Amino acid sequence: MSLLDVHDLRVVIGGRHILHGVDLTVAASGVTALLGRNGAGKTTTVRGILGLLPRTGSVLLDGEQTVQLATHELVRRGIGYAPEDRGVFAALTVAENLRLAERVPEPAYGLVHDLFPELKQRAQQAAGTLSGGQQQMVAIARTLLNGNRLIIADEPTKGLAPRVVTEVAHALERAAEAVPVLLVEQNLALVRRLAEHCAVIADGRTAHQGPARDLLADAEAARRLLGVGRHEPAPIPEGP
């Protein structure tokens, strides 16, 4: 059963064709990983789904056609987005960053502070003075406040220390127990730990869809589609 069904998604920017017809299915539970080499079109796919770029094709959210909707309308329909660059407001405090993301009468601060107790401790600290890992916590926390139907996390572990990767993995794992997650990621150890399903983008097209474990177990397919070697990724510890 799927929550998000993308068909023939195309993005043209300045006359240049970036996406040439992406097909993508996001399961109605758990984590679906969006994989691909650098520059393959992963972030463009996400931004096209969200209406942050001009796009054509079909984007069905729980059976509803949304390709004609603006980004703010998609947010109101329950898509939470943690962007690749984290997108925190540096001059505002952690509490103010989270308050700006509130969209429901009773935001889920209990869940956020359970997953990220450090954010509660640093509520009055300017977000721009946080470490990269702490800023990523803020970005993910904002998607958890509003009871969203889908969370899109774009490379949430990029540039983070291994200890923080473990914390982020634990948070995404917990979030995915209640909300489906579309995870754009290069860290294959994280994908192996979290994702049940995956899609691979290559040259602006869908090159593969299927169980994540099957792809990562096929050394030749992983090398051809993702450019990775034969060695298994070191596992991420299970604890936070």
C-alpha atoms as a PDB file:
ATOM      1  CA  MET A   1       0.000   0.000   0.000  1.00  0.00           C
ATOM      2  CA  SER A   2       1.377   3.418  -0.950  1.00  0.00           C
ATOM      3  CA  LEU A   3       0.978   6.928   0.434  1.00  0.00           C
ATOM      4  CA  LEU A   4       2.730   8.870  -2.339  1.00  0.00           C
ATOM      5  CA  ASP A   5       2.715   7.892  -6.020  1.00  0.00           C
ATOM      6  CA  VAL A   6       4.805   9.919  -8.437  1.00  0.00           C
ATOM      7  CA  HIS A   7       4.580   9.245 -12.165  1.00  0.00           C
ATOM      8  CA  ASP A   8       6.429  10.855 -15.075  1.00  0.00           C
ATOM      9  CA  LEU A   9       7.680  13.758 -12.949  1.00  0.00           C
ATOM     10  CA  ARG A  10       9.533  16.238 -15.150  1.00  0.00           C
ATOM     11  CA  VAL A  11      11.385  19.403 -14.200  1.00  0.00           C
ATOM     12  CA  VAL A  12      12.718  21.952 -16.680  1.00  0.00           C
ATOM     13  CA  ILE A  13      14.786  24.890 -15.399  1.00  0.00           C
ATOM     14  CA  GLY A  14      15.933  27.630 -17.778  1.00  0.00           C
ATOM     15  CA  GLY A  15      15.216  25.422 -20.761  1.00  0.00           C
ATOM     16  CA  ARG A  16      17.331  22.597 -19.333  1.00  0.00           C
ATOM     17  CA  HIS A  17      15.636  19.259 -18.655  1.00  0.00           C
ATOM     18  CA  ILE A  18      16.677  18.157 -15.144  1.00  0.00           C
ATOM     19  CA  LEU A  19      14.156  15.362 -14.583  1.00  0.00           C
ATOM     20  CA  HIS A  20      13.087  13.289 -17.579  1.00  0.00           C
ATOM     21  CA  GLY A  21      10.179  11.323 -16.115  1.00  0.00           C
ATOM     22  CA  VAL A  22      10.695  10.057 -12.557  1.00  0.00           C
ATOM     23  CA  ASP A  23       8.436   7.345 -11.140  1.00  0.00           C
ATOM     24  CA  LEU A  24       8.459   6.882  -7.375  1.00  0.00           C
ATOM     25  CA  THR A  25       6.270   5.067  -4.858  1.00  0.00           C
ATOM     26  CA  VAL A  26       6.479   5.847  -1.139  1.00  0.00           C
ATOM     27  CA  ALA A  27       5.044   3.176   1.135  1.00  0.00           C
ATOM     28  CA  ALA A  28       2.262   4.044   3.582  1.00  0.00           C
ATOM     29  CA  SER A  29       4.477   3.006   6.497  1.00  0.00           C
ATOM     30  CA  GLY A  30       8.144   2.849   7.373  1.00  0.00           C
ATOM     31  CA  VAL A  31      11.022   4.395   5.438  1.00  0.00           C
ATOM     32  CA  THR A  32      11.443   4.608   1.668  1.00  0.00           C
ATOM     33  CA  ALA A  33      14.945   5.622   0.579  1.00  0.00           C
ATOM     34  CA  LEU A  34      15.670   7.743  -2.490  1.00  0.00           C
ATOM     35  CA  LEU A  35      19.170   6.904  -3.688  1.00  0.00           C
ATOM     36  CA  GLY A  36      21.515   7.875  -6.475  1.00  0.00           C
ATOM     37  CA  ARG A  37      24.926   9.262  -7.279  1.00  0.00           C
ATOM     38  CA  ASN A  38      25.734  12.929  -6.688  1.00  0.00           C
ATOM     39  CA  GLY A  39      23.934  15.069  -9.254  1.00  0.00           C
ATOM     40  CA  ALA A  40      21.532  12.297 -10.260  1.00  0.00           C
ATOM     41  CA  GLY A  41      18.451  14.379  -9.459  1.00  0.00           C
ATOM     42  CA  LYS A  42      17.437  13.267  -5.962  1.00  0.00           C
ATOM     43  CA  THR A  43      16.988  16.706  -4.415  1.00  0.00           C
ATOM     44  CA  THR A  44      15.385  17.979  -7.613  1.00  0.00           C
ATOM     45  CA  THR A  45      12.876  15.121  -7.362  1.00  0.00           C
ATOM     46  CA  VAL A  46      12.004  16.094  -3.798  1.00  0.00           C
ATOM     47  CA  ARG A  47      11.747  19.781  -4.656  1.00  0.00           C
ATOM     48  CA  GLY A  48       9.557  18.912  -7.620  1.00  0.00           C
ATOM     49  CA  ILE A  49       7.237  16.830  -5.437  1.00  0.00           C
ATOM     50  CA  LEU A  50       6.973  19.769  -3.031  1.00  0.00           C
ATOM     51  CA  GLY A  51       6.271  22.326  -5.757  1.00  0.00           C
ATOM     52  CA  LEU A  52       9.479  24.231  -5.049  1.00  0.00           C
ATOM     53  CA  LEU A  53      10.371  23.831  -8.732  1.00  0.00           C
ATOM     54  CA  PRO A  54       8.119  24.007 -11.805  1.00  0.00           C
ATOM     55  CA  ARG A  55       7.065  20.475 -12.672  1.00  0.00           C
ATOM     56  CA  THR A  56       4.716  18.369 -14.736  1.00  0.00           C
ATOM     57  CA  GLY A  57       3.499  14.827 -14.303  1.00  0.00           C
ATOM     58  CA  SER A  58       1.442  13.213 -11.568  1.00  0.00           C
ATOM     59  CA  VAL A  59       1.939  13.424  -7.792  1.00  0.00           C
ATOM     60  CA  LEU A  60      -0.744  11.556  -5.846  1.00  0.00           C
ATOM     61  CA  LEU A  61      -0.812  11.986  -2.068  1.00  0.00           C
ATOM     62  CA  ASP A  62      -3.066   9.292  -0.626  1.00  0.00           C
ATOM     63  CA  GLY A  63      -4.884   9.199  -3.971  1.00  0.00           C
ATOM     64  CA  GLU A  64      -5.285  12.994  -4.288  1.00  0.00           C
ATOM     65  CA  GLN A  65      -3.665  14.725  -7.267  1.00  0.00           C
ATOM     66  CA  THR A  66      -1.373  17.457  -5.905  1.00  0.00           C
ATOM     67  CA  VAL A  67       0.873  18.386  -8.819  1.00  0.00           C
ATOM     68  CA  GLN A  68      -1.110  21.583  -9.347  1.00  0.00           C
ATOM     69  CA  LEU A  69      -0.808  22.685  -5.712  1.00  0.00           C
ATOM     70  CA  ALA A  70       1.573  25.279  -4.314  1.00  0.00           C
ATOM     71  CA  THR A  71       4.090  24.314  -1.643  1.00  0.00           C
ATOM     72  CA  HIS A  72       2.172  25.884   1.238  1.00  0.00           C
ATOM     73  CA  GLU A  73      -0.925  23.916   0.229  1.00  0.00           C
ATOM     74  CA  LEU A  74       1.063  20.666   0.283  1.00  0.00           C
ATOM     75  CA  VAL A  75       2.365  21.550   3.738  1.00  0.00           C
ATOM     76  CA  ARG A  76      -1.209  22.044   4.928  1.00  0.00           C
ATOM     77  CA  ARG A  77      -2.044  18.601   3.574  1.00  0.00           C
ATOM     78  CA  GLY A  78       0.565  17.092   5.853  1.00  0.00           C
ATOM     79  CA  ILE A  79       3.991  16.944   4.176  1.00  0.00           C
ATOM     80  CA  GLY A  80       6.872  17.886   6.454  1.00  0.00           C
ATOM     81  CA  TYR A  81      10.233  18.742   4.882  1.00  0.00           C
ATOM     82  CA  ALA A  82      13.712  18.743   6.440  1.00  0.00           C
ATOM     83  CA  PRO A  83      15.869  20.257   3.662  1.00  0.00           C
ATOM     84  CA  GLU A  84      19.435  19.325   2.833  1.00  0.00           C
ATOM     85  CA  ASP A  85      20.779  22.664   4.104  1.00  0.00           C
ATOM     86  CA  ARG A  86      18.699  22.371   7.327  1.00  0.00           C
ATOM     87  CA  GLY A  87      17.134  25.810   6.761  1.00  0.00           C
ATOM     88  CA  VAL A  88      17.198  27.031  10.355  1.00  0.00           C
ATOM     89  CA  PHE A  89      16.751  30.722  11.150  1.00  0.00           C
ATOM     90  CA  ALA A  90      20.181  31.493  12.568  1.00  0.00           C
ATOM     91  CA  ALA A  91      19.239  34.663  14.470  1.00  0.00           C
ATOM     92  CA  LEU A  92      16.240  33.058  16.182  1.00  0.00           C
ATOM     93  CA  THR A  93      16.364  30.794  19.201  1.00  0.00           C
ATOM     94  CA  VAL A  94      15.664  27.076  19.037  1.00  0.00           C
ATOM     95  CA  ALA A  95      12.255  27.670  20.637  1.00  0.00           C
ATOM     96  CA  GLU A  96      11.420  30.383  18.103  1.00  0.00           C
ATOM     97  CA  ASN A  97      12.450  28.142  15.192  1.00  0.00           C
ATOM     98  CA  LEU A  98      10.089  25.454  16.438  1.00  0.00           C
ATOM     99  CA  ARG A  99       7.296  27.908  17.197  1.00  0.00           C
ATOM    100  CA  LEU A 100       7.379  29.157  13.604  1.00  0.00           C
ATOM    101  CA  ALA A 101       6.742  25.601  12.421  1.00  0.00           C
ATOM    102  CA  GLU A 102       3.602  25.142  14.539  1.00  0.00           C
ATOM    103  CA  ARG A 103       0.512  24.444  12.448  1.00  0.00           C
ATOM    104  CA  VAL A 104      -1.820  22.578  14.794  1.00  0.00           C
ATOM    105  CA  PRO A 105      -3.458  23.561  18.117  1.00  0.00           C
ATOM    106  CA  GLU A 106      -1.400  21.078  20.151  1.00  0.00           C
ATOM    107  CA  PRO A 107       2.083  20.627  18.639  1.00  0.00           C
ATOM    108  CA  ALA A 108       3.889  17.428  19.619  1.00  0.00           C
ATOM    109  CA  TYR A 109       6.549  18.965  21.846  1.00  0.00           C
ATOM    110  CA  GLY A 110       6.543  15.878  24.060  1.00  0.00           C
ATOM    111  CA  LEU A 111       7.722  13.722  21.137  1.00  0.00           C
ATOM    112  CA  VAL A 112      10.271  16.326  20.017  1.00  0.00           C
ATOM    113  CA  HIS A 113      11.799  16.709  23.476  1.00  0.00           C
ATOM    114  CA  ASP A 114      11.773  12.948  24.005  1.00  0.00           C
ATOM    115  CA  LEU A 115      13.773  12.428  20.807  1.00  0.00           C
ATOM    116  CA  PHE A 116      15.928  15.528  21.183  1.00  0.00           C
ATOM    117  CA  PRO A 117      16.273  16.475  24.877  1.00  0.00           C
ATOM    118  CA  GLU A 118      19.171  18.723  23.897  1.00  0.00           C
ATOM    119  CA  LEU A 119      16.743  21.034  22.088  1.00  0.00           C
ATOM    120  CA  LYS A 120      14.776  21.544  25.280  1.00  0.00           C
ATOM    121  CA  GLN A 121      17.982  22.367  27.134  1.00  0.00           C
ATOM    122  CA  ARG A 122      19.036  24.812  24.419  1.00  0.00           C
ATOM    123  CA  ALA A 123      15.587  26.341  23.822  1.00  0.00           C
ATOM    124  CA  GLN A 124      16.825  29.902  24.335  1.00  0.00           C
ATOM    125  CA  GLN A 125      20.064  29.494  22.356  1.00  0.00           C
ATOM    126  CA  ALA A 126      20.376  31.124  18.936  1.00  0.00           C
ATOM    127  CA  ALA A 127      20.089  28.415  16.276  1.00  0.00           C
ATOM    128  CA  GLY A 128      23.021  29.852  14.361  1.00  0.00           C
ATOM    129  CA  THR A 129      25.337  28.995  17.264  1.00  0.00           C
ATOM    130  CA  LEU A 130      24.368  25.315  17.265  1.00  0.00           C
ATOM    131  CA  SER A 131      26.562  22.605  15.800  1.00  0.00           C
ATOM    132  CA  GLY A 132      25.604  21.094  12.456  1.00  0.00           C
ATOM    133  CA  GLY A 133      24.146  18.063  14.205  1.00  0.00           C
ATOM    134  CA  GLN A 134      22.087  20.188  16.559  1.00  0.00           C
ATOM    135  CA  GLN A 135      20.752  22.235  13.641  1.00  0.00           C
ATOM    136  CA  GLN A 136      19.732  18.989  11.942  1.00  0.00           C
ATOM    137  CA  MET A 137      17.840  18.070  15.087  1.00  0.00           C
ATOM    138  CA  VAL A 138      15.930  21.355  14.799  1.00  0.00           C
ATOM    139  CA  ALA A 139      15.145  20.652  11.129  1.00  0.00           C
ATOM    140  CA  ILE A 140      13.773  17.195  11.878  1.00  0.00           C
ATOM    141  CA  ALA A 141      11.957  18.399  14.994  1.00  0.00           C
ATOM    142  CA  ARG A 142       9.996  20.922  12.940  1.00  0.00           C
ATOM    143  CA  THR A 143       8.559  18.116  10.806  1.00  0.00           C
ATOM    144  CA  LEU A 144       7.403  16.199  13.889  1.00  0.00           C
ATOM    145  CA  LEU A 145       5.375  18.959  15.553  1.00  0.00           C
ATOM    146  CA  ASN A 146       2.270  18.872  13.391  1.00  0.00           C
ATOM    147  CA  GLY A 147       1.163  15.273  13.033  1.00  0.00           C
ATOM    148  CA  ASN A 148       2.236  15.166   9.387  1.00  0.00           C
ATOM    149  CA  ARG A 149       1.207  12.379   7.024  1.00  0.00           C
ATOM    150  CA  LEU A 150       4.645  12.226   5.379  1.00  0.00           C
ATOM    151  CA  ILE A 151       8.123  13.399   6.335  1.00  0.00           C
ATOM    152  CA  ILE A 152      10.727  14.088   3.652  1.00  0.00           C
ATOM    153  CA  ALA A 153      14.286  14.188   5.003  1.00  0.00           C
ATOM    154  CA  ASP A 154      16.936  15.286   2.488  1.00  0.00           C
ATOM    155  CA  GLU A 155      20.391  13.935   3.422  1.00  0.00           C
ATOM    156  CA  PRO A 156      19.892  14.393   7.185  1.00  0.00           C
ATOM    157  CA  THR A 157      23.293  12.905   8.107  1.00  0.00           C
ATOM    158  CA  LYS A 158      25.399  14.842   5.600  1.00  0.00           C
ATOM    159  CA  GLY A 159      28.559  16.168   7.244  1.00  0.00           C
ATOM    160  CA  LEU A 160      27.661  14.883  10.719  1.00  0.00           C
ATOM    161  CA  ALA A 161      29.926  13.119  13.197  1.00  0.00           C
ATOM    162  CA  PRO A 162      29.246   9.379  13.718  1.00  0.00           C
ATOM    163  CA  ARG A 163      27.781   9.959  17.208  1.00  0.00           C
ATOM    164  CA  VAL A 164      25.277  12.466  15.823  1.00  0.00           C
ATOM    165  CA  VAL A 165      24.453  10.165  12.891  1.00  0.00           C
ATOM    166  CA  THR A 166      23.416   7.567  15.444  1.00  0.00           C
ATOM    167  CA  GLU A 167      21.152  10.098  17.198  1.00  0.00           C
ATOM    168  CA  VAL A 168      19.557  11.188  13.921  1.00  0.00           C
ATOM    169  CA  ALA A 169      19.070   7.546  12.875  1.00  0.00           C
ATOM    170  CA  HIS A 170      17.320   6.817  16.167  1.00  0.00           C
ATOM    171  CA  ALA A 171      15.056   9.862  15.757  1.00  0.00           C
ATOM    172  CA  LEU A 172      14.077   8.922  12.203  1.00  0.00           C
ATOM    173  CA  GLU A 173      13.470   5.350  13.285  1.00  0.00           C
ATOM    174  CA  ARG A 174      11.148   6.525  16.044  1.00  0.00           C
ATOM    175  CA  ALA A 175       9.385   8.994  13.743  1.00  0.00           C
ATOM    176  CA  ALA A 176       8.832   6.304  11.110  1.00  0.00           C
ATOM    177  CA  GLU A 177       6.911   4.221  13.636  1.00  0.00           C
ATOM    178  CA  ALA A 178       4.092   6.760  13.290  1.00  0.00           C
ATOM    179  CA  VAL A 179       4.741   8.648  10.047  1.00  0.00           C
ATOM    180  CA  PRO A 180       6.027   7.373   6.672  1.00  0.00           C
ATOM    181  CA  VAL A 181       9.421   8.829   5.780  1.00  0.00           C
ATOM    182  CA  LEU A 182      10.958   9.519   2.370  1.00  0.00           C
ATOM    183  CA  LEU A 183      14.689   9.531   3.087  1.00  0.00           C
ATOM    184  CA  VAL A 184      17.168  11.006   0.597  1.00  0.00           C
ATOM    185  CA  GLU A 185      20.523   9.669   1.706  1.00  0.00           C
ATOM    186  CA  GLN A 186      24.054   8.716   0.662  1.00  0.00           C
ATOM    187  CA  ASN A 187      24.852   6.906   3.906  1.00  0.00           C
ATOM    188  CA  LEU A 188      24.106   3.303   2.974  1.00  0.00           C
ATOM    189  CA  ALA A 189      24.539   2.120   6.560  1.00  0.00           C
ATOM    190  CA  LEU A 190      21.623   4.357   7.507  1.00  0.00           C
ATOM    191  CA  VAL A 191      19.606   3.104   4.539  1.00  0.00           C
ATOM    192  CA  ARG A 192      20.312  -0.503   5.517  1.00  0.00           C
ATOM    193  CA  ARG A 193      19.197   0.150   9.092  1.00  0.00           C
ATOM    194  CA  LEU A 194      16.026   2.138   8.325  1.00  0.00           C
ATOM    195  CA  ALA A 195      14.666   1.583   4.823  1.00  0.00           C
ATOM    196  CA  GLU A 196      12.395  -1.214   3.690  1.00  0.00           C
ATOM    197  CA  HIS A 197      11.922   0.156   0.168  1.00  0.00           C
ATOM    198  CA  CYS A 198      14.107   2.199  -2.155  1.00  0.00           C
ATOM    199  CA  ALA A 199      14.205   3.944  -5.495  1.00  0.00           C
ATOM    200  CA  VAL A 200      17.329   4.901  -7.412  1.00  0.00           C
ATOM    201  CA  ILE A 201      17.550   8.000  -9.603  1.00  0.00           C
ATOM    202  CA  ALA A 202      20.109   8.115 -12.422  1.00  0.00           C
ATOM    203  CA  ASP A 203      20.425  10.928 -14.960  1.00  0.00           C
ATOM    204  CA  GLY A 204      17.055  12.359 -13.996  1.00  0.00           C
ATOM    205  CA  ARG A 205      15.177   9.081 -14.403  1.00  0.00           C
ATOM    206  CA  THR A 206      14.125   6.197 -12.169  1.00  0.00           C
ATOM    207  CA  ALA A 207      16.674   3.428 -12.656  1.00  0.00           C
ATOM    208  CA  HIS A 208      15.434   1.005  -9.988  1.00  0.00           C
ATOM    209  CA  GLN A 209      12.681   0.445  -7.432  1.00  0.00           C
ATOM    210  CA  GLY A 210      12.361  -2.414  -4.958  1.00  0.00           C
ATOM    211  CA  PRO A 211      13.291  -3.676  -1.494  1.00  0.00           C
ATOM    212  CA  ALA A 212      16.277  -1.778  -0.113  1.00  0.00           C
ATOM    213  CA  ARG A 213      17.867  -4.881   1.367  1.00  0.00           C
ATOM    214  CA  ASP A 214      17.843  -6.665  -2.000  1.00  0.00           C
ATOM    215  CA  LEU A 215      19.642  -3.792  -3.722  1.00  0.00           C
ATOM    216  CA  LEU A 216      22.297  -3.460  -1.031  1.00  0.00           C
ATOM    217  CA  ALA A 217      22.872  -7.216  -1.046  1.00  0.00           C
ATOM    218  CA  ASP A 218      23.576  -7.154  -4.797  1.00  0.00           C
ATOM    219  CA  ALA A 219      27.135  -5.856  -5.041  1.00  0.00           C
ATOM    220  CA  GLU A 220      27.068  -5.524  -8.831  1.00  0.00           C
ATOM    221  CA  ALA A 221      23.768  -3.620  -8.884  1.00  0.00           C
ATOM    222  CA  ALA A 222      24.910  -1.345  -6.040  1.00  0.00           C
ATOM    223  CA  ARG A 223      28.147  -0.606  -7.890  1.00  0.00           C
ATOM    224  CA  ARG A 224      26.380   0.063 -11.186  1.00  0.00           C
ATOM    225  CA  LEU A 225      23.570   2.209  -9.753  1.00  0.00           C
ATOM    226  CA  LEU A 226      25.261   3.894  -6.802  1.00  0.00           C
ATOM    227  CA  GLY A 227      28.972   3.714  -7.567  1.00  0.00           C
ATOM    228  CA  VAL A 228      29.796   1.941  -4.302  1.00  0.00           C
ATOM    229  CA  GLY A 229      32.367  -0.769  -3.785  1.00  0.00           C
ATOM    230  CA  ARG A 230      31.959  -4.334  -2.653  1.00  0.00           C
ATOM    231  CA  HIS A 231      32.466  -3.699   1.049  1.00  0.00           C
ATOM    232  CA  GLU A 232      29.439  -3.733   3.343  1.00  0.00           C
ATOM    233  CA  PRO A 233      28.757  -0.401   5.089  1.00  0.00           C
ATOM    234  CA  ALA A 234      29.607  -0.453   8.791  1.00  0.00           C
ATOM    235  CA  PRO A 235      26.362  -0.757  10.754  1.00  0.00           C
ATOM    236  CA  ILE A 236      25.022   2.182  12.762  1.00  0.00           C
ATOM    237  CA  PRO A 237      24.624   1.334  16.464  1.00  0.00           C
ATOM    238  CA  GLU A 238      21.040   0.683  17.503  1.00  0.00           C
ATOM    239  CA  GLY A 239      21.009   3.025  20.491  1.00  0.00           C
ATOM    240  CA  PRO A 240      20.645   6.838  20.383  1.00  0.00           C
END
